[in-house]
Amino acid sequence: MGRRRFAAAGGSEATTACASPQSIDVHHHIAPRFFIEAVGPERLVNTYPGSRKAAYEWSPAMAIEDMDRGGTATAVTSLYAAHHLSELRDPSRVARLCNEYAARMRQDFPGRFGVFACLPMPDVEASLKEIEYALDVLKADGIYMVTSYGSQWLGDASFAPVFEELNRRKAVLYTHPVVPRFAVDLIADVPDTVIEINTDTTRAIASMLFGGTAGRSPDLDIIWSHGGGTLLPVIERFTRLAQRPQLAARLPRGILHELQRFYYDVAQVAHPVPMAALRKMVPLSQILFGTDFTFRTATEINEGLAQCGLTAQELRAIQRDNGLRLLPQLKTVQVT
């Protein structure tokens, strides 16, 4: 995409960073204008409360402004509402354009952005081609998938070739939840996203664990959004279920091993109660900074983390060091 087309799609000249940005944001959405128009902005606004900013106002300059205000050095981007790709006339082409757009952002704003490349799932063959292009040509920092595609969650057997390839490449997979089709308008006056977004992450984790995909993918690093969704309250149920011989065989290293090697971002868990529970389940090393921009701001997440009783060393680990250890190739703003 040429610079003129990039600017028309929401690009701008580089914005000066704040004096001491530090955080590595692994949960940061982009909304290229051509993608929003293809899906339909009003449809997005009507479906997802709070999405007007993403649907109508997003630009790289807006993102950098929030990053500077909240002390974010680098945001690894993922496409907003990527599950709508499969509804478009040519999902593979649009996914390619979105990934090239994200790569161009990284080029135009050195040190400020990384790339989690989207896939035209549930088309497995097309997704394998996009993995190759994204990782080998665009040099994306990782791959991005949503938690479910129609009635198929990430651990679905038909998706095995995708996970085999990601595991072979020792890739990083970032995941983001969606509202599944069967869970629409269930409770009056309660938006579907309030409950179903987090619950679908838990469904995806269950499918990965008990379907055997996690156990077969020891070299794949997976990031779960929102601290794993509603995972924490069902840990006891999961551990009991994993004792069944058929399921235990799919988890040769044990269910807690898998849960504790996953990564979890802090968007929506930057609060003393869920943070305490998350830290009981996983080592600090597995917790990553994430904002869920544009739905949350970096400042809001930092304010929440400040209430969690973290030491300065623990806070830096979450905000920066853990992300850089997971993504050592990430070109980021240097912090002294």
C-alpha atoms as a PDB file:
ATOM      1  CA  MET A   1       0.000   0.000   0.000  1.00  0.00           C
ATOM      2  CA  GLY A   2       1.526   3.342  -1.068  1.00  0.00           C
ATOM      3  CA  ARG A   3       1.951   6.190   1.385  1.00  0.00           C
ATOM      4  CA  ARG A   4      -0.906   8.158  -0.208  1.00  0.00           C
ATOM      5  CA  ARG A   5      -3.302   5.213   0.078  1.00  0.00           C
ATOM      6  CA  PHE A   6      -2.105   4.529   3.614  1.00  0.00           C
ATOM      7  CA  ALA A   7      -2.839   8.098   4.644  1.00  0.00           C
ATOM      8  CA  ALA A   8      -6.287   7.884   3.101  1.00  0.00           C
ATOM      9  CA  ALA A   9      -6.921   4.719   5.104  1.00  0.00           C
ATOM     10  CA  GLY A  10      -6.074   6.447   8.355  1.00  0.00           C
ATOM     11  CA  GLY A  11      -2.300   6.927   8.335  1.00  0.00           C
ATOM     12  CA  SER A  12      -0.411  10.045   9.339  1.00  0.00           C
ATOM     13  CA  GLU A  13       3.105  11.266   9.855  1.00  0.00           C
ATOM     14  CA  ALA A  14       4.946  10.041  12.936  1.00  0.00           C
ATOM     15  CA  THR A  15       3.911  11.490  16.254  1.00  0.00           C
ATOM     16  CA  THR A  16       6.589  12.360  18.799  1.00  0.00           C
ATOM     17  CA  ALA A  17       6.672   9.823  21.628  1.00  0.00           C
ATOM     18  CA  CYS A  18       6.575  10.835  25.267  1.00  0.00           C
ATOM     19  CA  ALA A  19       9.838  11.126  27.170  1.00  0.00           C
ATOM     20  CA  SER A  20       9.798   7.692  28.819  1.00  0.00           C
ATOM     21  CA  PRO A  21       7.348   5.213  27.280  1.00  0.00           C
ATOM     22  CA  GLN A  22       7.792   1.713  28.622  1.00  0.00           C
ATOM     23  CA  SER A  23       4.854  -0.678  28.214  1.00  0.00           C
ATOM     24  CA  ILE A  24       4.530  -3.383  25.551  1.00  0.00           C
ATOM     25  CA  ASP A  25       0.822  -3.600  24.713  1.00  0.00           C
ATOM     26  CA  VAL A  26      -0.109  -7.005  23.262  1.00  0.00           C
ATOM     27  CA  HIS A  27      -3.855  -6.263  23.076  1.00  0.00           C
ATOM     28  CA  HIS A  28      -4.229  -3.244  20.830  1.00  0.00           C
ATOM     29  CA  HIS A  29      -6.765  -3.123  18.006  1.00  0.00           C
ATOM     30  CA  ILE A  30      -6.490  -1.366  14.668  1.00  0.00           C
ATOM     31  CA  ALA A  31      -9.434  -0.524  12.429  1.00  0.00           C
ATOM     32  CA  PRO A  32      -8.336   0.272   8.861  1.00  0.00           C
ATOM     33  CA  ARG A  33     -10.999   2.289   7.108  1.00  0.00           C
ATOM     34  CA  PHE A  34     -11.283  -0.058   4.130  1.00  0.00           C
ATOM     35  CA  PHE A  35     -12.039  -2.970   6.472  1.00  0.00           C
ATOM     36  CA  ILE A  36     -14.608  -1.026   8.489  1.00  0.00           C
ATOM     37  CA  GLU A  37     -16.390   0.071   5.307  1.00  0.00           C
ATOM     38  CA  ALA A  38     -16.399  -3.494   3.988  1.00  0.00           C
ATOM     39  CA  VAL A  39     -18.067  -4.803   7.153  1.00  0.00           C
ATOM     40  CA  GLY A  40     -20.304  -1.780   7.730  1.00  0.00           C
ATOM     41  CA  PRO A  41     -19.613   0.698  10.544  1.00  0.00           C
ATOM     42  CA  GLU A  42     -23.203   0.950  11.755  1.00  0.00           C
ATOM     43  CA  ARG A  43     -23.426  -2.815  11.963  1.00  0.00           C
ATOM     44  CA  LEU A  44     -20.368  -2.841  14.203  1.00  0.00           C
ATOM     45  CA  VAL A  45     -21.703  -0.056  16.404  1.00  0.00           C
ATOM     46  CA  ASN A  46     -25.067  -1.766  16.799  1.00  0.00           C
ATOM     47  CA  THR A  47     -23.464  -5.116  17.612  1.00  0.00           C
ATOM     48  CA  TYR A  48     -20.687  -4.014  19.951  1.00  0.00           C
ATOM     49  CA  PRO A  49     -21.468  -1.342  22.548  1.00  0.00           C
ATOM     50  CA  GLY A  50     -18.652   1.155  22.850  1.00  0.00           C
ATOM     51  CA  SER A  51     -17.294   0.486  19.372  1.00  0.00           C
ATOM     52  CA  ARG A  52     -18.143   3.868  17.839  1.00  0.00           C
ATOM     53  CA  LYS A  53     -14.600   5.125  18.368  1.00  0.00           C
ATOM     54  CA  ALA A  54     -13.152   2.135  16.515  1.00  0.00           C
ATOM     55  CA  ALA A  55     -15.752   2.253  13.759  1.00  0.00           C
ATOM     56  CA  TYR A  56     -15.596   5.974  13.024  1.00  0.00           C
ATOM     57  CA  GLU A  57     -12.589   7.641  14.628  1.00  0.00           C
ATOM     58  CA  TRP A  58      -9.625   5.251  14.699  1.00  0.00           C
ATOM     59  CA  SER A  59      -6.318   6.265  13.113  1.00  0.00           C
ATOM     60  CA  PRO A  60      -2.647   5.520  13.796  1.00  0.00           C
ATOM     61  CA  ALA A  61      -2.305   9.044  15.187  1.00  0.00           C
ATOM     62  CA  MET A  62      -5.134   8.383  17.663  1.00  0.00           C
ATOM     63  CA  ALA A  63      -3.415   5.182  18.752  1.00  0.00           C
ATOM     64  CA  ILE A  64      -0.065   6.883  19.290  1.00  0.00           C
ATOM     65  CA  GLU A  65      -1.703   9.707  21.213  1.00  0.00           C
ATOM     66  CA  ASP A  66      -3.162   7.196  23.666  1.00  0.00           C
ATOM     67  CA  MET A  67       0.133   5.313  23.843  1.00  0.00           C
ATOM     68  CA  ASP A  68       2.061   8.479  24.626  1.00  0.00           C
ATOM     69  CA  ARG A  69      -0.441   9.561  27.248  1.00  0.00           C
ATOM     70  CA  GLY A  70      -0.354   6.159  28.946  1.00  0.00           C
ATOM     71  CA  GLY A  71       3.351   5.400  28.641  1.00  0.00           C
ATOM     72  CA  THR A  72       3.118   2.648  26.021  1.00  0.00           C
ATOM     73  CA  ALA A  73       6.329   2.170  24.080  1.00  0.00           C
ATOM     74  CA  THR A  74       5.089  -0.355  21.531  1.00  0.00           C
ATOM     75  CA  ALA A  75       1.688  -1.808  20.685  1.00  0.00           C
ATOM     76  CA  VAL A  76       1.471  -5.148  18.893  1.00  0.00           C
ATOM     77  CA  THR A  77      -1.606  -4.661  16.758  1.00  0.00           C
ATOM     78  CA  SER A  78      -4.509  -6.964  15.975  1.00  0.00           C
ATOM     79  CA  LEU A  79      -7.434  -6.338  13.660  1.00  0.00           C
ATOM     80  CA  TYR A  80     -10.617  -5.129  15.309  1.00  0.00           C
ATOM     81  CA  ALA A  81     -13.615  -7.454  14.722  1.00  0.00           C
ATOM     82  CA  ALA A  82     -11.535  -9.877  12.650  1.00  0.00           C
ATOM     83  CA  HIS A  83     -14.211 -12.579  12.799  1.00  0.00           C
ATOM     84  CA  HIS A  84     -16.147 -10.589  10.196  1.00  0.00           C
ATOM     85  CA  LEU A  85     -13.482 -11.436   7.606  1.00  0.00           C
ATOM     86  CA  SER A  86     -15.204 -14.742   6.861  1.00  0.00           C
ATOM     87  CA  GLU A  87     -18.396 -12.894   5.903  1.00  0.00           C
ATOM     88  CA  LEU A  88     -16.728 -10.837   3.180  1.00  0.00           C
ATOM     89  CA  ARG A  89     -16.618 -11.725  -0.508  1.00  0.00           C
ATOM     90  CA  ASP A  90     -12.874 -12.402  -0.526  1.00  0.00           C
ATOM     91  CA  PRO A  91     -11.625 -13.013   3.034  1.00  0.00           C
ATOM     92  CA  SER A  92      -8.109 -13.973   1.946  1.00  0.00           C
ATOM     93  CA  ARG A  93      -7.596 -10.762   0.006  1.00  0.00           C
ATOM     94  CA  VAL A  94      -8.921  -8.554   2.807  1.00  0.00           C
ATOM     95  CA  ALA A  95      -6.850 -10.372   5.436  1.00  0.00           C
ATOM     96  CA  ARG A  96      -3.763  -9.821   3.270  1.00  0.00           C
ATOM     97  CA  LEU A  97      -4.568  -6.111   2.900  1.00  0.00           C
ATOM     98  CA  CYS A  98      -5.084  -5.755   6.650  1.00  0.00           C
ATOM     99  CA  ASN A  99      -1.787  -7.468   7.422  1.00  0.00           C
ATOM    100  CA  GLU A 100       0.065  -5.325   4.904  1.00  0.00           C
ATOM    101  CA  TYR A 101      -1.563  -2.257   6.440  1.00  0.00           C
ATOM    102  CA  ALA A 102      -0.332  -3.280   9.893  1.00  0.00           C
ATOM    103  CA  ALA A 103       3.164  -3.905   8.532  1.00  0.00           C
ATOM    104  CA  ARG A 104       3.129  -0.468   6.914  1.00  0.00           C
ATOM    105  CA  MET A 105       2.182   1.096  10.257  1.00  0.00           C
ATOM    106  CA  ARG A 106       5.184  -0.610  11.830  1.00  0.00           C
ATOM    107  CA  GLN A 107       7.395   0.772   9.070  1.00  0.00           C
ATOM    108  CA  ASP A 108       6.017   4.310   9.200  1.00  0.00           C
ATOM    109  CA  PHE A 109       6.229   4.627  12.988  1.00  0.00           C
ATOM    110  CA  PRO A 110       9.502   2.897  13.922  1.00  0.00           C
ATOM    111  CA  GLY A 111       9.507   1.309  17.338  1.00  0.00           C
ATOM    112  CA  ARG A 112       5.852   2.026  18.051  1.00  0.00           C
ATOM    113  CA  PHE A 113       4.042  -0.950  16.519  1.00  0.00           C
ATOM    114  CA  GLY A 114       4.363  -4.687  16.104  1.00  0.00           C
ATOM    115  CA  VAL A 115       2.078  -7.021  14.137  1.00  0.00           C
ATOM    116  CA  PHE A 116      -0.133  -9.945  15.044  1.00  0.00           C
ATOM    117  CA  ALA A 117      -1.314 -11.029  11.591  1.00  0.00           C
ATOM    118  CA  CYS A 118      -4.936 -12.063  11.065  1.00  0.00           C
ATOM    119  CA  LEU A 119      -5.997 -15.165   9.131  1.00  0.00           C
ATOM    120  CA  PRO A 120      -8.902 -15.897   6.752  1.00  0.00           C
ATOM    121  CA  MET A 121     -10.218 -18.612   9.050  1.00  0.00           C
ATOM    122  CA  PRO A 122     -12.001 -20.986   9.023  1.00  0.00           C
ATOM    123  CA  ASP A 123     -10.451 -21.571   5.576  1.00  0.00           C
ATOM    124  CA  VAL A 124      -7.507 -23.731   6.640  1.00  0.00           C
ATOM    125  CA  GLU A 125      -5.650 -23.818   3.316  1.00  0.00           C
ATOM    126  CA  ALA A 126      -5.900 -20.058   2.835  1.00  0.00           C
ATOM    127  CA  SER A 127      -4.826 -19.525   6.436  1.00  0.00           C
ATOM    128  CA  LEU A 128      -1.726 -21.678   5.966  1.00  0.00           C
ATOM    129  CA  LYS A 129      -0.763 -19.520   2.988  1.00  0.00           C
ATOM    130  CA  GLU A 130      -1.303 -16.351   5.018  1.00  0.00           C
ATOM    131  CA  ILE A 131       0.804 -17.705   7.891  1.00  0.00           C
ATOM    132  CA  GLU A 132       3.656 -18.239   5.438  1.00  0.00           C
ATOM    133  CA  TYR A 133       3.307 -14.754   3.946  1.00  0.00           C
ATOM    134  CA  ALA A 134       2.827 -13.010   7.273  1.00  0.00           C
ATOM    135  CA  LEU A 135       5.750 -14.645   9.058  1.00  0.00           C
ATOM    136  CA  ASP A 136       8.206 -15.024   6.171  1.00  0.00           C
ATOM    137  CA  VAL A 137       7.524 -11.912   4.088  1.00  0.00           C
ATOM    138  CA  LEU A 138       5.960  -9.377   6.437  1.00  0.00           C
ATOM    139  CA  LYS A 139       7.977 -10.650   9.420  1.00  0.00           C
ATOM    140  CA  ALA A 140       4.924 -10.417  11.667  1.00  0.00           C
ATOM    141  CA  ASP A 141       5.570 -10.846  15.370  1.00  0.00           C
ATOM    142  CA  GLY A 142       2.879 -13.474  15.660  1.00  0.00           C
ATOM    143  CA  ILE A 143      -0.474 -14.703  14.415  1.00  0.00           C
ATOM    144  CA  TYR A 144      -3.929 -13.633  15.558  1.00  0.00           C
ATOM    145  CA  MET A 145      -7.061 -15.787  15.727  1.00  0.00           C
ATOM    146  CA  VAL A 146     -10.442 -15.296  17.352  1.00  0.00           C
ATOM    147  CA  THR A 147     -11.741 -17.821  19.854  1.00  0.00           C
ATOM    148  CA  SER A 148     -14.437 -19.291  17.629  1.00  0.00           C
ATOM    149  CA  TYR A 149     -15.545 -19.364  14.018  1.00  0.00           C
ATOM    150  CA  GLY A 150     -19.242 -20.140  13.814  1.00  0.00           C
ATOM    151  CA  SER A 151     -19.681 -23.364  15.781  1.00  0.00           C
ATOM    152  CA  GLN A 152     -15.977 -24.246  15.745  1.00  0.00           C
ATOM    153  CA  TRP A 153     -13.651 -23.311  18.600  1.00  0.00           C
ATOM    154  CA  LEU A 154      -9.886 -23.199  18.307  1.00  0.00           C
ATOM    155  CA  GLY A 155      -9.382 -26.801  19.382  1.00  0.00           C
ATOM    156  CA  ASP A 156     -11.626 -28.116  16.599  1.00  0.00           C
ATOM    157  CA  ALA A 157     -10.008 -31.075  14.849  1.00  0.00           C
ATOM    158  CA  SER A 158     -10.389 -29.431  11.434  1.00  0.00           C
ATOM    159  CA  PHE A 159      -8.019 -26.648  12.536  1.00  0.00           C
ATOM    160  CA  ALA A 160      -5.208 -29.101  13.371  1.00  0.00           C
ATOM    161  CA  PRO A 161      -3.071 -28.249  10.286  1.00  0.00           C
ATOM    162  CA  VAL A 162      -2.970 -24.588  11.324  1.00  0.00           C
ATOM    163  CA  PHE A 163      -1.795 -25.430  14.832  1.00  0.00           C
ATOM    164  CA  GLU A 164       0.707 -27.974  13.545  1.00  0.00           C
ATOM    165  CA  GLU A 165       2.263 -25.264  11.387  1.00  0.00           C
ATOM    166  CA  LEU A 166       2.277 -22.674  14.161  1.00  0.00           C
ATOM    167  CA  ASN A 167       3.847 -25.180  16.545  1.00  0.00           C
ATOM    168  CA  ARG A 168       6.455 -26.138  13.925  1.00  0.00           C
ATOM    169  CA  ARG A 169       7.387 -22.490  13.574  1.00  0.00           C
ATOM    170  CA  LYS A 170       7.476 -21.962  17.360  1.00  0.00           C
ATOM    171  CA  ALA A 171       5.141 -19.048  16.766  1.00  0.00           C
ATOM    172  CA  VAL A 172       3.264 -16.742  19.104  1.00  0.00           C
ATOM    173  CA  LEU A 173      -0.523 -16.898  18.788  1.00  0.00           C
ATOM    174  CA  TYR A 174      -2.612 -14.034  20.125  1.00  0.00           C
ATOM    175  CA  THR A 175      -6.302 -14.789  20.622  1.00  0.00           C
ATOM    176  CA  HIS A 176      -9.334 -12.560  21.090  1.00  0.00           C
ATOM    177  CA  PRO A 177     -12.891 -13.584  21.965  1.00  0.00           C
ATOM    178  CA  VAL A 178     -16.091 -13.030  20.035  1.00  0.00           C
ATOM    179  CA  VAL A 179     -19.785 -13.387  20.807  1.00  0.00           C
ATOM    180  CA  PRO A 180     -20.860 -16.729  19.282  1.00  0.00           C
ATOM    181  CA  ARG A 181     -23.960 -16.776  17.150  1.00  0.00           C
ATOM    182  CA  PHE A 182     -26.041 -18.829  19.584  1.00  0.00           C
ATOM    183  CA  ALA A 183     -25.451 -16.383  22.463  1.00  0.00           C
ATOM    184  CA  VAL A 184     -27.209 -13.285  21.146  1.00  0.00           C
ATOM    185  CA  ASP A 185     -29.868 -11.332  23.066  1.00  0.00           C
ATOM    186  CA  LEU A 186     -30.001 -13.796  25.937  1.00  0.00           C
ATOM    187  CA  ILE A 187     -30.572 -11.372  28.835  1.00  0.00           C
ATOM    188  CA  ALA A 188     -32.655  -8.214  28.593  1.00  0.00           C
ATOM    189  CA  ASP A 189     -30.688  -4.980  29.060  1.00  0.00           C
ATOM    190  CA  VAL A 190     -27.353  -6.833  29.311  1.00  0.00           C
ATOM    191  CA  PRO A 191     -25.218  -6.484  26.162  1.00  0.00           C
ATOM    192  CA  ASP A 192     -23.975  -9.823  24.865  1.00  0.00           C
ATOM    193  CA  THR A 193     -20.385  -8.632  25.126  1.00  0.00           C
ATOM    194  CA  VAL A 194     -20.593  -8.180  28.907  1.00  0.00           C
ATOM    195  CA  ILE A 195     -20.775 -11.928  29.535  1.00  0.00           C
ATOM    196  CA  GLU A 196     -20.115 -13.757  26.281  1.00  0.00           C
ATOM    197  CA  ILE A 197     -16.807 -12.127  25.349  1.00  0.00           C
ATOM    198  CA  ASN A 198     -15.049 -13.559  28.397  1.00  0.00           C
ATOM    199  CA  THR A 199     -16.990 -16.807  28.300  1.00  0.00           C
ATOM    200  CA  ASP A 200     -15.964 -17.556  24.724  1.00  0.00           C
ATOM    201  CA  THR A 201     -12.307 -17.343  25.712  1.00  0.00           C
ATOM    202  CA  THR A 202     -12.988 -20.035  28.299  1.00  0.00           C
ATOM    203  CA  ARG A 203     -14.743 -22.193  25.700  1.00  0.00           C
ATOM    204  CA  ALA A 204     -11.717 -21.863  23.432  1.00  0.00           C
ATOM    205  CA  ILE A 205      -9.328 -22.796  26.244  1.00  0.00           C
ATOM    206  CA  ALA A 206     -11.465 -25.843  27.030  1.00  0.00           C
ATOM    207  CA  SER A 207     -11.435 -26.920  23.390  1.00  0.00           C
ATOM    208  CA  MET A 208      -7.665 -26.509  23.180  1.00  0.00           C
ATOM    209  CA  LEU A 209      -7.069 -28.465  26.376  1.00  0.00           C
ATOM    210  CA  PHE A 210      -9.568 -31.296  26.114  1.00  0.00           C
ATOM    211  CA  GLY A 211      -9.377 -31.613  22.342  1.00  0.00           C
ATOM    212  CA  GLY A 212      -5.645 -32.250  22.661  1.00  0.00           C
ATOM    213  CA  THR A 213      -4.374 -29.288  20.622  1.00  0.00           C
ATOM    214  CA  ALA A 214      -2.573 -27.690  23.565  1.00  0.00           C
ATOM    215  CA  GLY A 215      -0.856 -30.950  24.451  1.00  0.00           C
ATOM    216  CA  ARG A 216       0.271 -31.427  20.842  1.00  0.00           C
ATOM    217  CA  SER A 217       1.635 -27.877  20.588  1.00  0.00           C
ATOM    218  CA  PRO A 218       4.389 -27.569  23.206  1.00  0.00           C
ATOM    219  CA  ASP A 219       6.344 -25.052  21.127  1.00  0.00           C
ATOM    220  CA  LEU A 220       3.420 -22.707  20.475  1.00  0.00           C
ATOM    221  CA  ASP A 221       3.074 -19.726  22.819  1.00  0.00           C
ATOM    222  CA  ILE A 222      -0.562 -18.679  23.227  1.00  0.00           C
ATOM    223  CA  ILE A 223      -1.846 -15.381  24.625  1.00  0.00           C
ATOM    224  CA  TRP A 224      -5.384 -15.341  26.016  1.00  0.00           C
ATOM    225  CA  SER A 225      -7.115 -11.977  26.278  1.00  0.00           C
ATOM    226  CA  HIS A 226      -8.722 -10.548  29.415  1.00  0.00           C
ATOM    227  CA  GLY A 227      -6.803 -12.748  31.826  1.00  0.00           C
ATOM    228  CA  GLY A 228      -8.302 -15.893  30.328  1.00  0.00           C
ATOM    229  CA  GLY A 229     -11.898 -14.694  30.456  1.00  0.00           C
ATOM    230  CA  THR A 230     -14.001 -16.709  32.892  1.00  0.00           C
ATOM    231  CA  LEU A 231     -11.342 -19.405  33.250  1.00  0.00           C
ATOM    232  CA  LEU A 232     -10.435 -18.764  36.876  1.00  0.00           C
ATOM    233  CA  PRO A 233     -13.815 -19.699  38.422  1.00  0.00           C
ATOM    234  CA  VAL A 234     -13.904 -23.016  36.522  1.00  0.00           C
ATOM    235  CA  ILE A 235     -10.356 -24.198  37.307  1.00  0.00           C
ATOM    236  CA  GLU A 236     -11.692 -26.746  39.802  1.00  0.00           C
ATOM    237  CA  ARG A 237     -14.103 -28.141  37.219  1.00  0.00           C
ATOM    238  CA  PHE A 238     -11.374 -28.301  34.584  1.00  0.00           C
ATOM    239  CA  THR A 239      -8.953 -30.147  36.857  1.00  0.00           C
ATOM    240  CA  ARG A 240     -11.601 -32.712  37.788  1.00  0.00           C
ATOM    241  CA  LEU A 241     -12.584 -33.207  34.157  1.00  0.00           C
ATOM    242  CA  ALA A 242      -8.931 -33.733  33.244  1.00  0.00           C
ATOM    243  CA  GLN A 243      -8.846 -36.792  35.520  1.00  0.00           C
ATOM    244  CA  ARG A 244     -10.958 -38.784  33.071  1.00  0.00           C
ATOM    245  CA  PRO A 245      -8.586 -41.270  31.421  1.00  0.00           C
ATOM    246  CA  GLN A 246      -9.509 -40.365  27.845  1.00  0.00           C
ATOM    247  CA  LEU A 247      -8.926 -36.656  28.483  1.00  0.00           C
ATOM    248  CA  ALA A 248      -5.877 -37.143  30.685  1.00  0.00           C
ATOM    249  CA  ALA A 249      -4.215 -38.911  27.753  1.00  0.00           C
ATOM    250  CA  ARG A 250      -4.573 -35.698  25.730  1.00  0.00           C
ATOM    251  CA  LEU A 251      -2.784 -33.722  28.431  1.00  0.00           C
ATOM    252  CA  PRO A 252       0.399 -35.750  28.968  1.00  0.00           C
ATOM    253  CA  ARG A 253       2.067 -32.958  30.946  1.00  0.00           C
ATOM    254  CA  GLY A 254      -1.058 -32.286  33.005  1.00  0.00           C
ATOM    255  CA  ILE A 255      -3.694 -29.589  32.787  1.00  0.00           C
ATOM    256  CA  LEU A 256      -1.971 -27.208  35.193  1.00  0.00           C
ATOM    257  CA  HIS A 257       1.197 -27.375  33.122  1.00  0.00           C
ATOM    258  CA  GLU A 258      -0.721 -26.172  30.086  1.00  0.00           C
ATOM    259  CA  LEU A 259      -2.644 -23.484  31.957  1.00  0.00           C
ATOM    260  CA  GLN A 260       0.539 -22.172  33.543  1.00  0.00           C
ATOM    261  CA  ARG A 261       2.504 -21.995  30.313  1.00  0.00           C
ATOM    262  CA  PHE A 262      -0.176 -19.965  28.530  1.00  0.00           C
ATOM    263  CA  TYR A 263       0.105 -16.179  28.599  1.00  0.00           C
ATOM    264  CA  TYR A 264      -2.682 -13.877  29.790  1.00  0.00           C
ATOM    265  CA  ASP A 265      -3.090 -10.153  29.180  1.00  0.00           C
ATOM    266  CA  VAL A 266      -4.387  -7.750  31.821  1.00  0.00           C
ATOM    267  CA  ALA A 267      -7.109  -5.982  29.831  1.00  0.00           C
ATOM    268  CA  GLN A 268     -10.220  -6.054  32.054  1.00  0.00           C
ATOM    269  CA  VAL A 269      -8.296  -7.724  34.912  1.00  0.00           C
ATOM    270  CA  ALA A 270      -6.316  -4.659  36.001  1.00  0.00           C
ATOM    271  CA  HIS A 271      -8.260  -4.796  39.261  1.00  0.00           C
ATOM    272  CA  PRO A 272      -7.229  -6.184  42.675  1.00  0.00           C
ATOM    273  CA  VAL A 273      -9.722  -9.077  42.733  1.00  0.00           C
ATOM    274  CA  PRO A 274      -9.123 -10.788  39.340  1.00  0.00           C
ATOM    275  CA  MET A 275      -5.417  -9.931  39.443  1.00  0.00           C
ATOM    276  CA  ALA A 276      -5.023 -11.722  42.775  1.00  0.00           C
ATOM    277  CA  ALA A 277      -6.758 -14.788  41.356  1.00  0.00           C
ATOM    278  CA  LEU A 278      -4.695 -14.735  38.156  1.00  0.00           C
ATOM    279  CA  ARG A 279      -1.460 -14.533  40.143  1.00  0.00           C
ATOM    280  CA  LYS A 280      -2.553 -17.526  42.196  1.00  0.00           C
ATOM    281  CA  MET A 281      -2.912 -19.548  38.999  1.00  0.00           C
ATOM    282  CA  VAL A 282       0.129 -18.526  36.943  1.00  0.00           C
ATOM    283  CA  PRO A 283       3.645 -17.210  37.516  1.00  0.00           C
ATOM    284  CA  LEU A 284       4.127 -13.478  37.107  1.00  0.00           C
ATOM    285  CA  SER A 285       6.171 -14.262  33.973  1.00  0.00           C
ATOM    286  CA  GLN A 286       2.984 -15.276  32.110  1.00  0.00           C
ATOM    287  CA  ILE A 287       1.105 -12.004  32.642  1.00  0.00           C
ATOM    288  CA  LEU A 288       1.322  -9.414  29.856  1.00  0.00           C
ATOM    289  CA  PHE A 289       0.286  -5.795  29.522  1.00  0.00           C
ATOM    290  CA  GLY A 290      -2.736  -5.262  27.285  1.00  0.00           C
ATOM    291  CA  THR A 291      -5.165  -2.385  26.930  1.00  0.00           C
ATOM    292  CA  ASP A 292      -7.940  -3.478  24.546  1.00  0.00           C
ATOM    293  CA  PHE A 293      -7.612  -0.086  22.839  1.00  0.00           C
ATOM    294  CA  THR A 294      -9.909   1.527  21.669  1.00  0.00           C
ATOM    295  CA  PHE A 295     -12.318   0.043  24.220  1.00  0.00           C
ATOM    296  CA  ARG A 296      -9.944   0.895  27.058  1.00  0.00           C
ATOM    297  CA  THR A 297      -7.059   3.338  27.299  1.00  0.00           C
ATOM    298  CA  ALA A 298      -3.502   2.732  28.433  1.00  0.00           C
ATOM    299  CA  THR A 299      -4.041   5.215  31.249  1.00  0.00           C
ATOM    300  CA  GLU A 300      -7.060   3.279  32.537  1.00  0.00           C
ATOM    301  CA  ILE A 301      -5.119   0.017  32.592  1.00  0.00           C
ATOM    302  CA  ASN A 302      -2.164   1.599  34.374  1.00  0.00           C
ATOM    303  CA  GLU A 303      -4.467   3.154  36.954  1.00  0.00           C
ATOM    304  CA  GLY A 304      -5.994  -0.262  37.564  1.00  0.00           C
ATOM    305  CA  LEU A 305      -2.608  -1.947  37.912  1.00  0.00           C
ATOM    306  CA  ALA A 306      -1.583   0.689  40.450  1.00  0.00           C
ATOM    307  CA  GLN A 307      -4.355  -0.615  42.729  1.00  0.00           C
ATOM    308  CA  CYS A 308      -3.174  -4.243  42.554  1.00  0.00           C
ATOM    309  CA  GLY A 309      -0.432  -4.096  45.184  1.00  0.00           C
ATOM    310  CA  LEU A 310       2.387  -4.795  42.733  1.00  0.00           C
ATOM    311  CA  THR A 311       5.985  -3.889  43.501  1.00  0.00           C
ATOM    312  CA  ALA A 312       7.847  -1.681  41.041  1.00  0.00           C
ATOM    313  CA  GLN A 313       9.717  -4.756  39.777  1.00  0.00           C
ATOM    314  CA  GLU A 314       6.505  -6.750  39.330  1.00  0.00           C
ATOM    315  CA  LEU A 315       4.839  -3.855  37.548  1.00  0.00           C
ATOM    316  CA  ARG A 316       7.732  -3.494  35.120  1.00  0.00           C
ATOM    317  CA  ALA A 317       7.640  -7.240  34.442  1.00  0.00           C
ATOM    318  CA  ILE A 318       3.980  -7.034  33.434  1.00  0.00           C
ATOM    319  CA  GLN A 319       4.249  -3.765  31.548  1.00  0.00           C
ATOM    320  CA  ARG A 320       7.427  -4.485  29.617  1.00  0.00           C
ATOM    321  CA  ASP A 321       9.857  -7.271  30.493  1.00  0.00           C
ATOM    322  CA  ASN A 322       7.518 -10.243  30.014  1.00  0.00           C
ATOM    323  CA  GLY A 323       6.429  -8.956  26.616  1.00  0.00           C
ATOM    324  CA  LEU A 324       9.989  -8.477  25.417  1.00  0.00           C
ATOM    325  CA  ARG A 325      10.976 -11.940  26.599  1.00  0.00           C
ATOM    326  CA  LEU A 326       8.083 -13.455  24.621  1.00  0.00           C
ATOM    327  CA  LEU A 327       8.719 -11.241  21.576  1.00  0.00           C
ATOM    328  CA  PRO A 328      12.497 -10.656  21.604  1.00  0.00           C
ATOM    329  CA  GLN A 329      12.504  -9.644  17.943  1.00  0.00           C
ATOM    330  CA  LEU A 330      10.122  -6.763  18.626  1.00  0.00           C
ATOM    331  CA  LYS A 331      11.573  -3.430  17.567  1.00  0.00           C
ATOM    332  CA  THR A 332      10.548  -1.104  20.359  1.00  0.00           C
ATOM    333  CA  VAL A 333      11.342   2.276  21.817  1.00  0.00           C
ATOM    334  CA  GLN A 334      14.326   1.943  24.129  1.00  0.00           C
ATOM    335  CA  VAL A 335      13.823   2.531  27.845  1.00  0.00           C
ATOM    336  CA  THR A 336      16.655   3.403  30.201  1.00  0.00           C
END
